[in-house]
Amino acid sequence: MDLMGLCNICGKPGIMNTCILCGRIVCSNCYDPQNKVCCSCKSSKQ
């Protein structure tokens, strides 16, 4: 089952992913599927 909604980062509607670090609901553009984190958490980790 896919989660539908609005991205918590860019506001884009569609299928969402959940960041394992902060719990944000984000779109595929704002999500790193390899690390399972949002772009915001990914950039703060580097």
PDB file of N, CA and C in Angstrom:
ATOM      1  N   MET A   1       0.848  -1.183   0.000  1.00  0.00           N
ATOM      2  CA  MET A   1       0.000   0.000   0.000  1.00  0.00           C
ATOM      3  C   MET A   1       0.893   1.247   0.000  1.00  0.00           C
ATOM      4  N   ASP A   2       0.641   2.124  -0.955  1.00  0.00           N
ATOM      5  CA  ASP A   2       1.408   3.362  -1.068  1.00  0.00           C
ATOM      6  C   ASP A   2       0.753   4.469  -0.255  1.00  0.00           C
ATOM      7  N   LEU A   3       1.581   5.303   0.334  1.00  0.00           N
ATOM      8  CA  LEU A   3       1.112   6.448   1.100  1.00  0.00           C
ATOM      9  C   LEU A   3       1.016   7.643   0.156  1.00  0.00           C
ATOM     10  N   MET A   4      -0.152   8.249   0.081  1.00  0.00           N
ATOM     11  CA  MET A   4      -0.363   9.418  -0.772  1.00  0.00           C
ATOM     12  C   MET A   4      -0.447  10.653   0.119  1.00  0.00           C
ATOM     13  N   GLY A   5      -0.001  11.785  -0.409  1.00  0.00           N
ATOM     14  CA  GLY A   5      -0.081  13.020   0.365  1.00  0.00           C
ATOM     15  C   GLY A   5       0.730  14.136  -0.256  1.00  0.00           C
ATOM     16  N   LEU A   6       1.086  15.103   0.574  1.00  0.00           N
ATOM     17  CA  LEU A   6       1.897  16.245   0.155  1.00  0.00           C
ATOM     18  C   LEU A   6       3.252  16.155   0.835  1.00  0.00           C
ATOM     19  N   CYS A   7       4.284  16.403   0.078  1.00  0.00           N
ATOM     20  CA  CYS A   7       5.650  16.361   0.596  1.00  0.00           C
ATOM     21  C   CYS A   7       5.850  17.435   1.665  1.00  0.00           C
ATOM     22  N   ASN A   8       6.433  17.053   2.786  1.00  0.00           N
ATOM     23  CA  ASN A   8       6.700  17.990   3.882  1.00  0.00           C
ATOM     24  C   ASN A   8       7.830  18.957   3.574  1.00  0.00           C
ATOM     25  N   ILE A   9       8.583  18.709   2.503  1.00  0.00           N
ATOM     26  CA  ILE A   9       9.696  19.595   2.144  1.00  0.00           C
ATOM     27  C   ILE A   9       9.328  20.511   0.976  1.00  0.00           C
ATOM     28  N   CYS A  10       8.890  19.933  -0.150  1.00  0.00           N
ATOM     29  CA  CYS A  10       8.622  20.758  -1.334  1.00  0.00           C
ATOM     30  C   CYS A  10       7.130  20.990  -1.604  1.00  0.00           C
ATOM     31  N   GLY A  11       6.252  20.236  -0.950  1.00  0.00           N
ATOM     32  CA  GLY A  11       4.815  20.428  -1.119  1.00  0.00           C
ATOM     33  C   GLY A  11       4.206  19.695  -2.300  1.00  0.00           C
ATOM     34  N   LYS A  12       5.001  18.913  -3.031  1.00  0.00           N
ATOM     35  CA  LYS A  12       4.524  18.176  -4.199  1.00  0.00           C
ATOM     36  C   LYS A  12       3.573  17.050  -3.770  1.00  0.00           C
ATOM     37  N   PRO A  13       2.423  16.902  -4.457  1.00  0.00           N
ATOM     38  CA  PRO A  13       1.516  15.797  -4.143  1.00  0.00           C
ATOM     39  C   PRO A  13       1.973  14.510  -4.828  1.00  0.00           C
ATOM     40  N   GLY A  14       1.586  13.377  -4.261  1.00  0.00           N
ATOM     41  CA  GLY A  14       1.885  12.091  -4.886  1.00  0.00           C
ATOM     42  C   GLY A  14       2.184  11.006  -3.874  1.00  0.00           C
ATOM     43  N   ILE A  15       2.908   9.992  -4.327  1.00  0.00           N
ATOM     44  CA  ILE A  15       3.290   8.885  -3.462  1.00  0.00           C
ATOM     45  C   ILE A  15       4.434   9.335  -2.565  1.00  0.00           C
ATOM     46  N   MET A  16       4.296   9.084  -1.277  1.00  0.00           N
ATOM     47  CA  MET A  16       5.254   9.577  -0.292  1.00  0.00           C
ATOM     48  C   MET A  16       6.085   8.450   0.316  1.00  0.00           C
ATOM     49  N   ASN A  17       7.227   8.840   0.848  1.00  0.00           N
ATOM     50  CA  ASN A  17       8.132   7.968   1.592  1.00  0.00           C
ATOM     51  C   ASN A  17       8.337   8.591   2.969  1.00  0.00           C
ATOM     52  N   THR A  18       8.708   7.789   3.944  1.00  0.00           N
ATOM     53  CA  THR A  18       8.941   8.294   5.298  1.00  0.00           C
ATOM     54  C   THR A  18      10.424   8.222   5.637  1.00  0.00           C
ATOM     55  N   CYS A  19      10.971   9.325   6.075  1.00  0.00           N
ATOM     56  CA  CYS A  19      12.372   9.391   6.493  1.00  0.00           C
ATOM     57  C   CYS A  19      12.532   8.623   7.807  1.00  0.00           C
ATOM     58  N   ILE A  20      13.535   7.733   7.860  1.00  0.00           N
ATOM     59  CA  ILE A  20      13.737   6.941   9.074  1.00  0.00           C
ATOM     60  C   ILE A  20      14.366   7.744  10.214  1.00  0.00           C
ATOM     61  N   LEU A  21      14.938   8.901   9.902  1.00  0.00           N
ATOM     62  CA  LEU A  21      15.576   9.711  10.946  1.00  0.00           C
ATOM     63  C   LEU A  21      14.621  10.717  11.581  1.00  0.00           C
ATOM     64  N   CYS A  22      13.924  11.498  10.760  1.00  0.00           N
ATOM     65  CA  CYS A  22      13.077  12.562  11.308  1.00  0.00           C
ATOM     66  C   CYS A  22      11.576  12.273  11.206  1.00  0.00           C
ATOM     67  N   GLY A  23      11.190  11.270  10.400  1.00  0.00           N
ATOM     68  CA  GLY A  23       9.777  10.917  10.269  1.00  0.00           C
ATOM     69  C   GLY A  23       9.003  11.762   9.274  1.00  0.00           C
ATOM     70  N   ARG A  24       9.677  12.676   8.568  1.00  0.00           N
ATOM     71  CA  ARG A  24       8.991  13.489   7.557  1.00  0.00           C
ATOM     72  C   ARG A  24       8.421  12.605   6.459  1.00  0.00           C
ATOM     73  N   ILE A  25       7.274  13.022   5.931  1.00  0.00           N
ATOM     74  CA  ILE A  25       6.663  12.376   4.779  1.00  0.00           C
ATOM     75  C   ILE A  25       7.113  13.171   3.558  1.00  0.00           C
ATOM     76  N   VAL A  26       7.872  12.523   2.651  1.00  0.00           N
ATOM     77  CA  VAL A  26       8.479  13.243   1.533  1.00  0.00           C
ATOM     78  C   VAL A  26       8.276  12.520   0.202  1.00  0.00           C
ATOM     79  N   CYS A  27       8.321  13.288  -0.895  1.00  0.00           N
ATOM     80  CA  CYS A  27       8.180  12.730  -2.242  1.00  0.00           C
ATOM     81  C   CYS A  27       9.487  12.090  -2.695  1.00  0.00           C
ATOM     82  N   SER A  28       9.458  11.437  -3.824  1.00  0.00           N
ATOM     83  CA  SER A  28      10.651  10.738  -4.322  1.00  0.00           C
ATOM     84  C   SER A  28      11.788  11.710  -4.660  1.00  0.00           C
ATOM     85  N   ASN A  29      11.462  12.963  -5.000  1.00  0.00           N
ATOM     86  CA  ASN A  29      12.508  13.955  -5.301  1.00  0.00           C
ATOM     87  C   ASN A  29      13.260  14.391  -4.044  1.00  0.00           C
ATOM     88  N   CYS A  30      12.610  14.308  -2.903  1.00  0.00           N
ATOM     89  CA  CYS A  30      13.200  14.762  -1.637  1.00  0.00           C
ATOM     90  C   CYS A  30      13.635  13.588  -0.764  1.00  0.00           C
ATOM     91  N   TYR A  31      13.754  12.398  -1.350  1.00  0.00           N
ATOM     92  CA  TYR A  31      14.047  11.182  -0.592  1.00  0.00           C
ATOM     93  C   TYR A  31      15.208  10.425  -1.211  1.00  0.00           C
ATOM     94  N   ASP A  32      16.081   9.909  -0.376  1.00  0.00           N
ATOM     95  CA  ASP A  32      17.191   9.064  -0.817  1.00  0.00           C
ATOM     96  C   ASP A  32      16.820   7.621  -0.466  1.00  0.00           C
ATOM     97  N   PRO A  33      16.354   6.835  -1.453  1.00  0.00           N
ATOM     98  CA  PRO A  33      15.897   5.474  -1.158  1.00  0.00           C
ATOM     99  C   PRO A  33      17.007   4.541  -0.693  1.00  0.00           C
ATOM    100  N   GLN A  34      18.229   4.807  -1.090  1.00  0.00           N
ATOM    101  CA  GLN A  34      19.350   3.960  -0.690  1.00  0.00           C
ATOM    102  C   GLN A  34      19.605   4.050   0.826  1.00  0.00           C
ATOM    103  N   ASN A  35      19.509   5.275   1.355  1.00  0.00           N
ATOM    104  CA  ASN A  35      19.746   5.493   2.788  1.00  0.00           C
ATOM    105  C   ASN A  35      18.454   5.620   3.591  1.00  0.00           C
ATOM    106  N   LYS A  36      17.316   5.707   2.896  1.00  0.00           N
ATOM    107  CA  LYS A  36      15.991   5.824   3.509  1.00  0.00           C
ATOM    108  C   LYS A  36      15.832   7.080   4.370  1.00  0.00           C
ATOM    109  N   VAL A  37      16.450   8.180   3.894  1.00  0.00           N
ATOM    110  CA  VAL A  37      16.365   9.459   4.592  1.00  0.00           C
ATOM    111  C   VAL A  37      15.928  10.561   3.632  1.00  0.00           C
ATOM    112  N   CYS A  38      15.368  11.639   4.179  1.00  0.00           N
ATOM    113  CA  CYS A  38      14.991  12.784   3.354  1.00  0.00           C
ATOM    114  C   CYS A  38      16.230  13.596   3.005  1.00  0.00           C
ATOM    115  N   CYS A  39      16.105  14.470   2.036  1.00  0.00           N
ATOM    116  CA  CYS A  39      17.256  15.284   1.584  1.00  0.00           C
ATOM    117  C   CYS A  39      17.742  16.210   2.696  1.00  0.00           C
ATOM    118  N   SER A  40      16.851  16.632   3.575  1.00  0.00           N
ATOM    119  CA  SER A  40      17.239  17.498   4.674  1.00  0.00           C
ATOM    120  C   SER A  40      18.144  16.761   5.673  1.00  0.00           C
ATOM    121  N   CYS A  41      17.771  15.533   6.034  1.00  0.00           N
ATOM    122  CA  CYS A  41      18.600  14.746   6.954  1.00  0.00           C
ATOM    123  C   CYS A  41      19.885  14.303   6.277  1.00  0.00           C
ATOM    124  N   LYS A  42      19.818  13.987   4.991  1.00  0.00           N
ATOM    125  CA  LYS A  42      21.015  13.570   4.262  1.00  0.00           C
ATOM    126  C   LYS A  42      22.045  14.694   4.223  1.00  0.00           C
ATOM    127  N   SER A  43      21.592  15.918   3.959  1.00  0.00           N
ATOM    128  CA  SER A  43      22.529  17.046   3.878  1.00  0.00           C
ATOM    129  C   SER A  43      23.095  17.406   5.251  1.00  0.00           C
ATOM    130  N   SER A  44      22.341  17.180   6.316  1.00  0.00           N
ATOM    131  CA  SER A  44      22.861  17.491   7.655  1.00  0.00           C
ATOM    132  C   SER A  44      23.827  16.420   8.151  1.00  0.00           C
ATOM    133  N   LYS A  45      23.763  15.213   7.582  1.00  0.00           N
ATOM    134  CA  LYS A  45      24.676  14.135   7.969  1.00  0.00           C
ATOM    135  C   LYS A  45      26.058  14.302   7.344  1.00  0.00           C
ATOM    136  N   GLN A  46      26.124  14.979   6.206  1.00  0.00           N
ATOM    137  CA  GLN A  46      27.400  15.095   5.461  1.00  0.00           C
ATOM    138  C   GLN A  46      28.289  16.168   6.013  1.00  0.00           C
TER     139      GLN A  46
END
